[in-house]
Amino acid sequence: MRLFFRSHLSFLLFALILSLSTVGIFWLDGYSSARLTIYVLFLWIVLSILFLTVRYFGYRRVFKRLEQADVVASEFHPNEGSPFTQAFESYLAQQYHAYQIDLQKWRAKDADRNIFINQWVHQMKTPVSVIELMTQNQSDPTLRSIQEETDKIKQGLDTVLYTLRLETFENDFVVDHTDLKTLATEAINEHKRLFIRHQLYPKVDIDSSLFLETDKKWFVFMLGQLLSNAIKYSPQKGSNIEITAITESTGYLLTIQDYGIGIEKSDLPRVFRPFFTGENGRKYQHSTGMGLFLVSEICQKLGYRLAIESQIGSGTTILIRIPIQK
């Protein structure tokens, strides 16, 4: 209704000016009767209301659609309403049909791309596993260097794989009853070589009685991304990376704290955006900006609340609030 009146504001102003002009003409011609003036004004008002009423009911469907621009129109009625409304509905139906055809084509292409990347990742994992076996338990510095690069490749492949799986998270979600300490320990063990290589020490302070219902695979991957970031940005050897959990009124508060270089205050509001690396990304060229984005997406899927606190030179703390149904 507001859109209708706004679009006809010029008509209302024109009708008012025309009415006043007509009254003025009568006055100039000597017809100074107040009754005649009232009759003229009344006639213009009646005609204006009649015109607007007829126009409103003729264009009602059009204005209703335009006022609900955020709602995707999938139902059309090209045989109802005024001729203009029918033409408008028919045009929308044609555009919507063309949009659906293009959307299906792009969805098919996207599905093919995801299948290809999934197959490629799994194919790459096989030679990576072979290289890991060939370099295992070797004291040769060259083989240790190969192990380091292999770990980077493995982490990159996992990042690609889990990024694709986010689109079909519900199909890859399995709920398990497990304790928080076991999940943290499993994530640490997966990054054991990385801790040793950087001479950093994980410190877990989680009570074994803290149980939750979650998807173990996604949870461990999420913790792994946070641990990897903590290790990457903790250049000082011998420092700790602390994983703690406490019970709150609504659930658990899980924190991952490092004592590394920290994050610029201006970068904090954007660290969960995809591909954002900030000031640290300029110092560490191997930053991809995907780790915290994936953690943010996984937390959202799992129903967790994610927050971050950091100070330059003092380190970074990730806070994850996990609701528990009692």
C-alpha atoms as a PDB file:
ATOM      1  CA  MET A   1       0.000   0.000   0.000  1.00  0.00           C
ATOM      2  CA  ARG A   2       2.837   2.427   0.860  1.00  0.00           C
ATOM      3  CA  LEU A   3       4.537   1.701  -2.445  1.00  0.00           C
ATOM      4  CA  PHE A   4       1.259   2.383  -4.267  1.00  0.00           C
ATOM      5  CA  PHE A   5       0.827   5.802  -2.642  1.00  0.00           C
ATOM      6  CA  ARG A   6       4.487   6.687  -3.131  1.00  0.00           C
ATOM      7  CA  SER A   7       4.268   5.862  -6.846  1.00  0.00           C
ATOM      8  CA  HIS A   8       1.102   8.001  -7.176  1.00  0.00           C
ATOM      9  CA  LEU A   9       2.321  10.949  -5.129  1.00  0.00           C
ATOM     10  CA  SER A  10       2.895  12.995  -8.269  1.00  0.00           C
ATOM     11  CA  PHE A  11      -0.705  12.342  -9.359  1.00  0.00           C
ATOM     12  CA  LEU A  12      -2.055  13.481  -5.986  1.00  0.00           C
ATOM     13  CA  LEU A  13      -0.008  16.691  -6.180  1.00  0.00           C
ATOM     14  CA  PHE A  14      -1.212  17.246  -9.763  1.00  0.00           C
ATOM     15  CA  ALA A  15      -4.845  16.750  -8.720  1.00  0.00           C
ATOM     16  CA  LEU A  16      -4.440  19.178  -5.834  1.00  0.00           C
ATOM     17  CA  ILE A  17      -2.827  21.844  -8.044  1.00  0.00           C
ATOM     18  CA  LEU A  18      -5.507  21.355 -10.715  1.00  0.00           C
ATOM     19  CA  SER A  19      -8.255  21.700  -8.112  1.00  0.00           C
ATOM     20  CA  LEU A  20      -6.792  24.902  -6.707  1.00  0.00           C
ATOM     21  CA  SER A  21      -6.274  26.263 -10.222  1.00  0.00           C
ATOM     22  CA  THR A  22      -9.898  25.568 -11.119  1.00  0.00           C
ATOM     23  CA  VAL A  23     -11.125  27.319  -7.988  1.00  0.00           C
ATOM     24  CA  GLY A  24      -8.859  30.267  -8.793  1.00  0.00           C
ATOM     25  CA  ILE A  25     -10.271  30.517 -12.308  1.00  0.00           C
ATOM     26  CA  PHE A  26     -13.812  30.601 -10.929  1.00  0.00           C
ATOM     27  CA  TRP A  27     -12.810  33.351  -8.526  1.00  0.00           C
ATOM     28  CA  LEU A  28     -11.200  35.389 -11.302  1.00  0.00           C
ATOM     29  CA  ASP A  29     -14.317  35.026 -13.479  1.00  0.00           C
ATOM     30  CA  GLY A  30     -16.434  36.455 -10.686  1.00  0.00           C
ATOM     31  CA  TYR A  31     -17.888  33.257  -9.362  1.00  0.00           C
ATOM     32  CA  SER A  32     -17.122  33.945  -5.736  1.00  0.00           C
ATOM     33  CA  SER A  33     -19.781  31.684  -4.344  1.00  0.00           C
ATOM     34  CA  ALA A  34     -18.394  29.539  -1.561  1.00  0.00           C
ATOM     35  CA  ARG A  35     -20.865  26.819  -2.424  1.00  0.00           C
ATOM     36  CA  LEU A  36     -19.528  26.576  -5.985  1.00  0.00           C
ATOM     37  CA  THR A  37     -15.981  26.339  -4.717  1.00  0.00           C
ATOM     38  CA  ILE A  38     -16.940  23.496  -2.383  1.00  0.00           C
ATOM     39  CA  TYR A  39     -18.708  21.685  -5.243  1.00  0.00           C
ATOM     40  CA  VAL A  40     -15.615  21.896  -7.462  1.00  0.00           C
ATOM     41  CA  LEU A  41     -13.280  20.644  -4.723  1.00  0.00           C
ATOM     42  CA  PHE A  42     -15.664  17.832  -3.826  1.00  0.00           C
ATOM     43  CA  LEU A  43     -15.876  16.763  -7.477  1.00  0.00           C
ATOM     44  CA  TRP A  44     -12.109  16.613  -7.859  1.00  0.00           C
ATOM     45  CA  ILE A  45     -11.729  14.654  -4.631  1.00  0.00           C
ATOM     46  CA  VAL A  46     -14.360  12.125  -5.677  1.00  0.00           C
ATOM     47  CA  LEU A  47     -12.808  11.681  -9.111  1.00  0.00           C
ATOM     48  CA  SER A  48      -9.309  11.289  -7.623  1.00  0.00           C
ATOM     49  CA  ILE A  49     -10.468   8.685  -5.098  1.00  0.00           C
ATOM     50  CA  LEU A  50     -12.359   6.809  -7.814  1.00  0.00           C
ATOM     51  CA  PHE A  51      -9.325   6.826 -10.121  1.00  0.00           C
ATOM     52  CA  LEU A  52      -6.948   5.650  -7.378  1.00  0.00           C
ATOM     53  CA  THR A  53      -9.349   2.906  -6.267  1.00  0.00           C
ATOM     54  CA  VAL A  54      -9.741   1.505  -9.782  1.00  0.00           C
ATOM     55  CA  ARG A  55      -5.986   1.718 -10.373  1.00  0.00           C
ATOM     56  CA  TYR A  56      -5.138   0.098  -7.047  1.00  0.00           C
ATOM     57  CA  PHE A  57      -7.311  -2.965  -7.628  1.00  0.00           C
ATOM     58  CA  GLY A  58      -5.991  -3.246 -11.184  1.00  0.00           C
ATOM     59  CA  TYR A  59      -2.321  -3.120 -10.122  1.00  0.00           C
ATOM     60  CA  ARG A  60      -2.649  -4.635  -6.655  1.00  0.00           C
ATOM     61  CA  ARG A  61      -0.801  -7.868  -7.511  1.00  0.00           C
ATOM     62  CA  VAL A  62       2.084  -5.950  -9.066  1.00  0.00           C
ATOM     63  CA  PHE A  63       2.616  -3.692  -6.056  1.00  0.00           C
ATOM     64  CA  LYS A  64       2.269  -6.635  -3.688  1.00  0.00           C
ATOM     65  CA  ARG A  65       5.093  -8.473  -5.463  1.00  0.00           C
ATOM     66  CA  LEU A  66       7.296  -5.379  -5.537  1.00  0.00           C
ATOM     67  CA  GLU A  67       6.828  -4.810  -1.788  1.00  0.00           C
ATOM     68  CA  GLN A  68       7.948  -8.417  -1.092  1.00  0.00           C
ATOM     69  CA  ALA A  69      11.204  -8.229  -3.011  1.00  0.00           C
ATOM     70  CA  ASP A  70      12.996 -10.490  -0.507  1.00  0.00           C
ATOM     71  CA  VAL A  71      10.564 -13.355  -1.168  1.00  0.00           C
ATOM     72  CA  VAL A  72      11.344 -15.492  -4.212  1.00  0.00           C
ATOM     73  CA  ALA A  73       8.225 -15.629  -6.369  1.00  0.00           C
ATOM     74  CA  SER A  74       7.631 -19.191  -7.539  1.00  0.00           C
ATOM     75  CA  GLU A  75       3.856 -19.051  -8.055  1.00  0.00           C
ATOM     76  CA  PHE A  76       2.514 -16.990 -10.919  1.00  0.00           C
ATOM     77  CA  HIS A  77      -1.017 -16.132 -12.087  1.00  0.00           C
ATOM     78  CA  PRO A  78      -0.719 -14.846 -15.678  1.00  0.00           C
ATOM     79  CA  ASN A  79      -4.474 -15.185 -16.284  1.00  0.00           C
ATOM     80  CA  GLU A  80      -5.662 -13.101 -13.342  1.00  0.00           C
ATOM     81  CA  GLY A  81      -5.948  -9.351 -12.789  1.00  0.00           C
ATOM     82  CA  SER A  82      -5.757  -6.481 -15.244  1.00  0.00           C
ATOM     83  CA  PRO A  83      -4.033  -6.816 -18.656  1.00  0.00           C
ATOM     84  CA  PHE A  84      -0.960  -5.050 -17.262  1.00  0.00           C
ATOM     85  CA  THR A  85      -0.852  -7.406 -14.263  1.00  0.00           C
ATOM     86  CA  GLN A  86      -1.188 -10.450 -16.528  1.00  0.00           C
ATOM     87  CA  ALA A  87       1.671  -9.224 -18.721  1.00  0.00           C
ATOM     88  CA  PHE A  88       3.782  -8.541 -15.616  1.00  0.00           C
ATOM     89  CA  GLU A  89       3.085 -12.015 -14.179  1.00  0.00           C
ATOM     90  CA  SER A  90       3.863 -13.651 -17.518  1.00  0.00           C
ATOM     91  CA  TYR A  91       7.170 -11.786 -17.754  1.00  0.00           C
ATOM     92  CA  LEU A  92       8.132 -12.834 -14.215  1.00  0.00           C
ATOM     93  CA  ALA A  93       7.229 -16.458 -14.959  1.00  0.00           C
ATOM     94  CA  GLN A  94       9.474 -16.483 -18.042  1.00  0.00           C
ATOM     95  CA  GLN A  95      12.370 -14.936 -16.140  1.00  0.00           C
ATOM     96  CA  TYR A  96      11.958 -17.329 -13.229  1.00  0.00           C
ATOM     97  CA  HIS A  97      11.876 -20.317 -15.594  1.00  0.00           C
ATOM     98  CA  ALA A  98      15.072 -19.140 -17.324  1.00  0.00           C
ATOM     99  CA  TYR A  99      16.689 -18.612 -13.912  1.00  0.00           C
ATOM    100  CA  GLN A 100      15.785 -22.147 -12.802  1.00  0.00           C
ATOM    101  CA  ILE A 101      17.292 -23.649 -15.974  1.00  0.00           C
ATOM    102  CA  ASP A 102      20.564 -21.751 -15.453  1.00  0.00           C
ATOM    103  CA  LEU A 103      20.592 -22.679 -11.768  1.00  0.00           C
ATOM    104  CA  GLN A 104      20.208 -26.389 -12.526  1.00  0.00           C
ATOM    105  CA  LYS A 105      23.051 -26.203 -15.052  1.00  0.00           C
ATOM    106  CA  TRP A 106      25.380 -24.563 -12.539  1.00  0.00           C
ATOM    107  CA  ARG A 107      24.374 -27.012  -9.825  1.00  0.00           C
ATOM    108  CA  ALA A 108      25.190 -29.909 -12.123  1.00  0.00           C
ATOM    109  CA  LYS A 109      28.574 -28.374 -12.948  1.00  0.00           C
ATOM    110  CA  ASP A 110      29.262 -27.752  -9.253  1.00  0.00           C
ATOM    111  CA  ALA A 111      28.345 -31.348  -8.380  1.00  0.00           C
ATOM    112  CA  ASP A 112      30.689 -32.665 -11.096  1.00  0.00           C
ATOM    113  CA  ARG A 113      33.460 -30.397  -9.810  1.00  0.00           C
ATOM    114  CA  ASN A 114      32.984 -31.618  -6.230  1.00  0.00           C
ATOM    115  CA  ILE A 115      33.057 -35.265  -7.345  1.00  0.00           C
ATOM    116  CA  PHE A 116      36.257 -34.663  -9.299  1.00  0.00           C
ATOM    117  CA  ILE A 117      37.980 -32.868  -6.406  1.00  0.00           C
ATOM    118  CA  ASN A 118      36.872 -35.558  -3.926  1.00  0.00           C
ATOM    119  CA  GLN A 119      38.292 -38.295  -6.146  1.00  0.00           C
ATOM    120  CA  TRP A 120      41.482 -36.333  -6.696  1.00  0.00           C
ATOM    121  CA  VAL A 121      41.986 -35.791  -2.945  1.00  0.00           C
ATOM    122  CA  HIS A 122      41.509 -39.497  -2.207  1.00  0.00           C
ATOM    123  CA  GLN A 123      43.917 -40.406  -5.011  1.00  0.00           C
ATOM    124  CA  MET A 124      46.531 -38.030  -3.596  1.00  0.00           C
ATOM    125  CA  LYS A 125      46.156 -39.488  -0.110  1.00  0.00           C
ATOM    126  CA  THR A 126      47.454 -42.854  -1.268  1.00  0.00           C
ATOM    127  CA  PRO A 127      50.952 -41.667  -2.355  1.00  0.00           C
ATOM    128  CA  VAL A 128      51.095 -39.411   0.713  1.00  0.00           C
ATOM    129  CA  SER A 129      50.489 -42.446   2.938  1.00  0.00           C
ATOM    130  CA  VAL A 130      53.169 -44.397   1.059  1.00  0.00           C
ATOM    131  CA  ILE A 131      55.673 -41.559   1.538  1.00  0.00           C
ATOM    132  CA  GLU A 132      54.819 -41.470   5.270  1.00  0.00           C
ATOM    133  CA  LEU A 133      55.579 -45.191   5.558  1.00  0.00           C
ATOM    134  CA  MET A 134      58.835 -44.857   3.627  1.00  0.00           C
ATOM    135  CA  THR A 135      60.085 -42.018   5.844  1.00  0.00           C
ATOM    136  CA  GLN A 136      58.839 -43.443   9.145  1.00  0.00           C
ATOM    137  CA  ASN A 137      61.312 -44.020  11.976  1.00  0.00           C
ATOM    138  CA  GLN A 138      64.185 -42.570   9.975  1.00  0.00           C
ATOM    139  CA  SER A 139      66.920 -40.390  11.483  1.00  0.00           C
ATOM    140  CA  ASP A 140      68.088 -38.965   8.163  1.00  0.00           C
ATOM    141  CA  PRO A 141      67.551 -35.151   8.125  1.00  0.00           C
ATOM    142  CA  THR A 142      66.484 -35.353   4.474  1.00  0.00           C
ATOM    143  CA  LEU A 143      63.773 -37.871   5.319  1.00  0.00           C
ATOM    144  CA  ARG A 144      62.629 -35.707   8.218  1.00  0.00           C
ATOM    145  CA  SER A 145      62.295 -32.783   5.814  1.00  0.00           C
ATOM    146  CA  ILE A 146      60.228 -34.986   3.522  1.00  0.00           C
ATOM    147  CA  GLN A 147      58.018 -35.874   6.485  1.00  0.00           C
ATOM    148  CA  GLU A 148      57.452 -32.179   7.208  1.00  0.00           C
ATOM    149  CA  GLU A 149      56.407 -31.470   3.635  1.00  0.00           C
ATOM    150  CA  THR A 150      54.230 -34.580   3.615  1.00  0.00           C
ATOM    151  CA  ASP A 151      52.421 -33.361   6.713  1.00  0.00           C
ATOM    152  CA  LYS A 152      51.719 -30.038   4.991  1.00  0.00           C
ATOM    153  CA  ILE A 153      50.329 -31.832   1.941  1.00  0.00           C
ATOM    154  CA  LYS A 154      48.169 -34.046   4.140  1.00  0.00           C
ATOM    155  CA  GLN A 155      46.784 -31.082   6.055  1.00  0.00           C
ATOM    156  CA  GLY A 156      46.067 -29.245   2.800  1.00  0.00           C
ATOM    157  CA  LEU A 157      44.210 -32.237   1.371  1.00  0.00           C
ATOM    158  CA  ASP A 158      42.127 -32.563   4.523  1.00  0.00           C
ATOM    159  CA  THR A 159      41.262 -28.862   4.363  1.00  0.00           C
ATOM    160  CA  VAL A 160      40.047 -29.228   0.774  1.00  0.00           C
ATOM    161  CA  LEU A 161      38.065 -32.357   1.613  1.00  0.00           C
ATOM    162  CA  TYR A 162      36.326 -30.898   4.671  1.00  0.00           C
ATOM    163  CA  THR A 163      35.589 -27.636   2.854  1.00  0.00           C
ATOM    164  CA  LEU A 164      33.687 -29.597   0.207  1.00  0.00           C
ATOM    165  CA  ARG A 165      31.901 -31.700   2.819  1.00  0.00           C
ATOM    166  CA  LEU A 166      30.578 -28.579   4.534  1.00  0.00           C
ATOM    167  CA  GLU A 167      28.093 -28.198   1.675  1.00  0.00           C
ATOM    168  CA  THR A 168      26.592 -31.594   2.555  1.00  0.00           C
ATOM    169  CA  PHE A 169      27.263 -31.478   6.286  1.00  0.00           C
ATOM    170  CA  GLU A 170      23.980 -33.172   7.222  1.00  0.00           C
ATOM    171  CA  ASN A 171      24.815 -36.206   5.051  1.00  0.00           C
ATOM    172  CA  ASP A 172      28.200 -36.639   6.742  1.00  0.00           C
ATOM    173  CA  PHE A 173      27.072 -36.080  10.341  1.00  0.00           C
ATOM    174  CA  VAL A 174      27.121 -38.931  12.895  1.00  0.00           C
ATOM    175  CA  VAL A 175      26.403 -38.265  16.574  1.00  0.00           C
ATOM    176  CA  ASP A 176      28.527 -40.085  19.151  1.00  0.00           C
ATOM    177  CA  HIS A 177      28.558 -40.004  22.944  1.00  0.00           C
ATOM    178  CA  THR A 178      32.109 -39.239  23.990  1.00  0.00           C
ATOM    179  CA  ASP A 179      34.127 -37.264  26.514  1.00  0.00           C
ATOM    180  CA  LEU A 180      35.788 -33.970  25.715  1.00  0.00           C
ATOM    181  CA  LYS A 181      39.214 -34.990  26.989  1.00  0.00           C
ATOM    182  CA  THR A 182      39.422 -37.944  24.598  1.00  0.00           C
ATOM    183  CA  LEU A 183      38.585 -35.711  21.639  1.00  0.00           C
ATOM    184  CA  ALA A 184      41.261 -33.184  22.645  1.00  0.00           C
ATOM    185  CA  THR A 185      43.860 -35.932  23.100  1.00  0.00           C
ATOM    186  CA  GLU A 186      43.033 -37.399  19.690  1.00  0.00           C
ATOM    187  CA  ALA A 187      43.473 -34.004  18.023  1.00  0.00           C
ATOM    188  CA  ILE A 188      46.836 -33.538  19.781  1.00  0.00           C
ATOM    189  CA  ASN A 189      48.049 -36.999  18.698  1.00  0.00           C
ATOM    190  CA  GLU A 190      47.236 -36.193  15.069  1.00  0.00           C
ATOM    191  CA  HIS A 191      49.532 -33.154  15.336  1.00  0.00           C
ATOM    192  CA  LYS A 192      52.168 -34.845  17.516  1.00  0.00           C
ATOM    193  CA  ARG A 193      54.966 -34.508  14.955  1.00  0.00           C
ATOM    194  CA  LEU A 194      54.121 -30.828  14.469  1.00  0.00           C
ATOM    195  CA  PHE A 195      54.386 -30.196  18.233  1.00  0.00           C
ATOM    196  CA  ILE A 196      57.731 -32.001  18.400  1.00  0.00           C
ATOM    197  CA  ARG A 197      59.112 -30.237  15.332  1.00  0.00           C
ATOM    198  CA  HIS A 198      58.323 -26.795  16.762  1.00  0.00           C
ATOM    199  CA  GLN A 199      59.298 -27.818  20.324  1.00  0.00           C
ATOM    200  CA  LEU A 200      55.927 -26.803  21.734  1.00  0.00           C
ATOM    201  CA  TYR A 201      54.088 -28.592  24.508  1.00  0.00           C
ATOM    202  CA  PRO A 202      50.342 -29.261  24.635  1.00  0.00           C
ATOM    203  CA  LYS A 203      48.781 -28.943  28.059  1.00  0.00           C
ATOM    204  CA  VAL A 204      45.309 -30.459  28.554  1.00  0.00           C
ATOM    205  CA  ASP A 205      43.231 -29.493  31.571  1.00  0.00           C
ATOM    206  CA  ILE A 206      39.881 -31.204  30.966  1.00  0.00           C
ATOM    207  CA  ASP A 207      37.970 -33.352  33.419  1.00  0.00           C
ATOM    208  CA  SER A 208      37.254 -36.868  32.163  1.00  0.00           C
ATOM    209  CA  SER A 209      33.637 -36.553  33.301  1.00  0.00           C
ATOM    210  CA  LEU A 210      32.757 -33.934  30.680  1.00  0.00           C
ATOM    211  CA  PHE A 211      30.694 -35.875  28.144  1.00  0.00           C
ATOM    212  CA  LEU A 212      28.879 -34.537  25.110  1.00  0.00           C
ATOM    213  CA  GLU A 213      26.960 -35.642  22.032  1.00  0.00           C
ATOM    214  CA  THR A 214      28.785 -34.623  18.863  1.00  0.00           C
ATOM    215  CA  ASP A 215      30.328 -35.811  15.622  1.00  0.00           C
ATOM    216  CA  LYS A 216      33.805 -36.994  16.590  1.00  0.00           C
ATOM    217  CA  LYS A 217      35.327 -36.606  13.140  1.00  0.00           C
ATOM    218  CA  TRP A 218      34.191 -32.998  12.647  1.00  0.00           C
ATOM    219  CA  PHE A 219      35.054 -32.077  16.250  1.00  0.00           C
ATOM    220  CA  VAL A 220      38.592 -33.479  16.053  1.00  0.00           C
ATOM    221  CA  PHE A 221      39.150 -31.793  12.684  1.00  0.00           C
ATOM    222  CA  MET A 222      37.964 -28.486  14.170  1.00  0.00           C
ATOM    223  CA  LEU A 223      40.362 -28.815  17.116  1.00  0.00           C
ATOM    224  CA  GLY A 224      43.123 -29.797  14.711  1.00  0.00           C
ATOM    225  CA  GLN A 225      42.680 -26.571  12.752  1.00  0.00           C
ATOM    226  CA  LEU A 226      42.902 -24.543  15.955  1.00  0.00           C
ATOM    227  CA  LEU A 227      45.984 -26.438  17.157  1.00  0.00           C
ATOM    228  CA  SER A 228      47.648 -26.031  13.778  1.00  0.00           C
ATOM    229  CA  ASN A 229      47.086 -22.270  13.917  1.00  0.00           C
ATOM    230  CA  ALA A 230      48.368 -22.111  17.494  1.00  0.00           C
ATOM    231  CA  ILE A 231      51.535 -23.983  16.532  1.00  0.00           C
ATOM    232  CA  LYS A 232      52.040 -21.936  13.365  1.00  0.00           C
ATOM    233  CA  TYR A 233      51.894 -18.609  15.200  1.00  0.00           C
ATOM    234  CA  SER A 234      53.932 -19.676  18.268  1.00  0.00           C
ATOM    235  CA  PRO A 235      57.530 -19.174  17.082  1.00  0.00           C
ATOM    236  CA  GLN A 236      58.959 -19.194  20.613  1.00  0.00           C
ATOM    237  CA  LYS A 237      60.213 -22.708  21.374  1.00  0.00           C
ATOM    238  CA  GLY A 238      59.395 -24.285  24.693  1.00  0.00           C
ATOM    239  CA  SER A 239      56.056 -22.523  25.239  1.00  0.00           C
ATOM    240  CA  ASN A 240      52.761 -24.247  25.970  1.00  0.00           C
ATOM    241  CA  ILE A 241      49.530 -24.545  24.063  1.00  0.00           C
ATOM    242  CA  GLU A 242      46.770 -24.993  26.612  1.00  0.00           C
ATOM    243  CA  ILE A 243      43.454 -26.740  26.070  1.00  0.00           C
ATOM    244  CA  THR A 244      41.035 -26.315  28.948  1.00  0.00           C
ATOM    245  CA  ALA A 245      37.345 -26.862  29.569  1.00  0.00           C
ATOM    246  CA  ILE A 246      35.062 -25.750  32.372  1.00  0.00           C
ATOM    247  CA  THR A 247      31.402 -26.295  33.121  1.00  0.00           C
ATOM    248  CA  GLU A 248      29.016 -23.353  32.770  1.00  0.00           C
ATOM    249  CA  SER A 249      25.318 -23.041  33.508  1.00  0.00           C
ATOM    250  CA  THR A 250      24.359 -23.892  29.925  1.00  0.00           C
ATOM    251  CA  GLY A 251      27.171 -26.253  28.948  1.00  0.00           C
ATOM    252  CA  TYR A 252      30.946 -26.324  28.550  1.00  0.00           C
ATOM    253  CA  LEU A 253      33.453 -23.600  27.758  1.00  0.00           C
ATOM    254  CA  LEU A 254      36.355 -25.005  25.744  1.00  0.00           C
ATOM    255  CA  THR A 255      39.409 -22.765  25.303  1.00  0.00           C
ATOM    256  CA  ILE A 256      42.534 -23.182  23.190  1.00  0.00           C
ATOM    257  CA  GLN A 257      45.232 -20.729  24.241  1.00  0.00           C
ATOM    258  CA  ASP A 258      48.662 -20.073  22.787  1.00  0.00           C
ATOM    259  CA  TYR A 259      51.383 -17.599  23.759  1.00  0.00           C
ATOM    260  CA  GLY A 260      52.438 -16.675  20.248  1.00  0.00           C
ATOM    261  CA  ILE A 261      52.543 -13.489  18.235  1.00  0.00           C
ATOM    262  CA  GLY A 262      48.844 -12.645  18.629  1.00  0.00           C
ATOM    263  CA  ILE A 263      46.481 -10.944  16.164  1.00  0.00           C
ATOM    264  CA  GLU A 264      46.120  -7.271  15.382  1.00  0.00           C
ATOM    265  CA  LYS A 265      43.046  -5.734  17.013  1.00  0.00           C
ATOM    266  CA  SER A 266      41.862  -4.378  13.656  1.00  0.00           C
ATOM    267  CA  ASP A 267      41.952  -7.902  12.186  1.00  0.00           C
ATOM    268  CA  LEU A 268      39.904  -9.628  14.901  1.00  0.00           C
ATOM    269  CA  PRO A 269      36.433  -8.824  13.450  1.00  0.00           C
ATOM    270  CA  ARG A 270      37.452 -10.390  10.118  1.00  0.00           C
ATOM    271  CA  VAL A 271      39.454 -13.479  11.082  1.00  0.00           C
ATOM    272  CA  PHE A 272      36.495 -15.819  10.461  1.00  0.00           C
ATOM    273  CA  ARG A 273      36.074 -14.673   6.869  1.00  0.00           C
ATOM    274  CA  PRO A 274      37.280 -17.070   4.146  1.00  0.00           C
ATOM    275  CA  PHE A 275      40.785 -16.386   2.776  1.00  0.00           C
ATOM    276  CA  PHE A 276      41.393 -13.506   5.198  1.00  0.00           C
ATOM    277  CA  THR A 277      44.987 -13.599   6.461  1.00  0.00           C
ATOM    278  CA  GLY A 278      45.473 -10.085   7.852  1.00  0.00           C
ATOM    279  CA  GLU A 279      48.788  -8.746   9.088  1.00  0.00           C
ATOM    280  CA  ASN A 280      50.028 -12.194  10.125  1.00  0.00           C
ATOM    281  CA  GLY A 281      49.420 -13.459   6.613  1.00  0.00           C
ATOM    282  CA  ARG A 282      51.931 -10.927   5.317  1.00  0.00           C
ATOM    283  CA  LYS A 283      54.553 -12.188   7.757  1.00  0.00           C
ATOM    284  CA  TYR A 284      53.786 -15.896   7.271  1.00  0.00           C
ATOM    285  CA  GLN A 285      53.308 -16.545   3.568  1.00  0.00           C
ATOM    286  CA  HIS A 286      51.971 -20.082   4.116  1.00  0.00           C
ATOM    287  CA  SER A 287      48.786 -18.718   5.712  1.00  0.00           C
ATOM    288  CA  THR A 288      45.653 -19.579   3.698  1.00  0.00           C
ATOM    289  CA  GLY A 289      42.945 -17.824   5.726  1.00  0.00           C
ATOM    290  CA  MET A 290      40.768 -20.965   5.669  1.00  0.00           C
ATOM    291  CA  GLY A 291      41.457 -22.484   9.092  1.00  0.00           C
ATOM    292  CA  LEU A 292      39.375 -20.163  11.276  1.00  0.00           C
ATOM    293  CA  PHE A 293      36.727 -19.914   8.563  1.00  0.00           C
ATOM    294  CA  LEU A 294      36.257 -23.695   8.638  1.00  0.00           C
ATOM    295  CA  VAL A 295      36.171 -23.671  12.442  1.00  0.00           C
ATOM    296  CA  SER A 296      33.514 -20.951  12.354  1.00  0.00           C
ATOM    297  CA  GLU A 297      31.399 -22.901   9.850  1.00  0.00           C
ATOM    298  CA  ILE A 298      31.697 -26.156  11.807  1.00  0.00           C
ATOM    299  CA  CYS A 299      30.752 -24.444  15.070  1.00  0.00           C
ATOM    300  CA  GLN A 300      27.705 -22.971  13.382  1.00  0.00           C
ATOM    301  CA  LYS A 301      26.691 -26.388  12.038  1.00  0.00           C
ATOM    302  CA  LEU A 302      27.182 -28.014  15.449  1.00  0.00           C
ATOM    303  CA  GLY A 303      25.343 -25.248  17.306  1.00  0.00           C
ATOM    304  CA  TYR A 304      28.401 -23.938  19.165  1.00  0.00           C
ATOM    305  CA  ARG A 305      29.262 -20.298  19.867  1.00  0.00           C
ATOM    306  CA  LEU A 306      32.737 -19.212  18.794  1.00  0.00           C
ATOM    307  CA  ALA A 307      34.736 -16.228  20.031  1.00  0.00           C
ATOM    308  CA  ILE A 308      38.334 -15.073  19.870  1.00  0.00           C
ATOM    309  CA  GLU A 309      40.523 -12.949  22.109  1.00  0.00           C
ATOM    310  CA  SER A 310      44.031 -11.857  21.218  1.00  0.00           C
ATOM    311  CA  GLN A 311      46.754  -9.383  22.055  1.00  0.00           C
ATOM    312  CA  ILE A 312      49.887  -8.656  20.063  1.00  0.00           C
ATOM    313  CA  GLY A 313      52.900 -10.319  21.668  1.00  0.00           C
ATOM    314  CA  SER A 314      50.832 -12.164  24.295  1.00  0.00           C
ATOM    315  CA  GLY A 315      49.006 -14.815  22.281  1.00  0.00           C
ATOM    316  CA  THR A 316      45.514 -15.819  21.201  1.00  0.00           C
ATOM    317  CA  THR A 317      42.640 -17.559  22.966  1.00  0.00           C
ATOM    318  CA  ILE A 318      39.812 -19.323  21.130  1.00  0.00           C
ATOM    319  CA  LEU A 319      36.621 -19.791  23.149  1.00  0.00           C
ATOM    320  CA  ILE A 320      33.999 -22.358  22.132  1.00  0.00           C
ATOM    321  CA  ARG A 321      30.761 -22.565  24.118  1.00  0.00           C
ATOM    322  CA  ILE A 322      29.181 -25.985  23.774  1.00  0.00           C
ATOM    323  CA  PRO A 323      25.532 -26.208  24.890  1.00  0.00           C
ATOM    324  CA  ILE A 324      24.600 -29.357  26.755  1.00  0.00           C
ATOM    325  CA  GLN A 325      21.022 -30.647  27.033  1.00  0.00           C
ATOM    326  CA  LYS A 326      20.229 -31.596  30.628  1.00  0.00           C
END
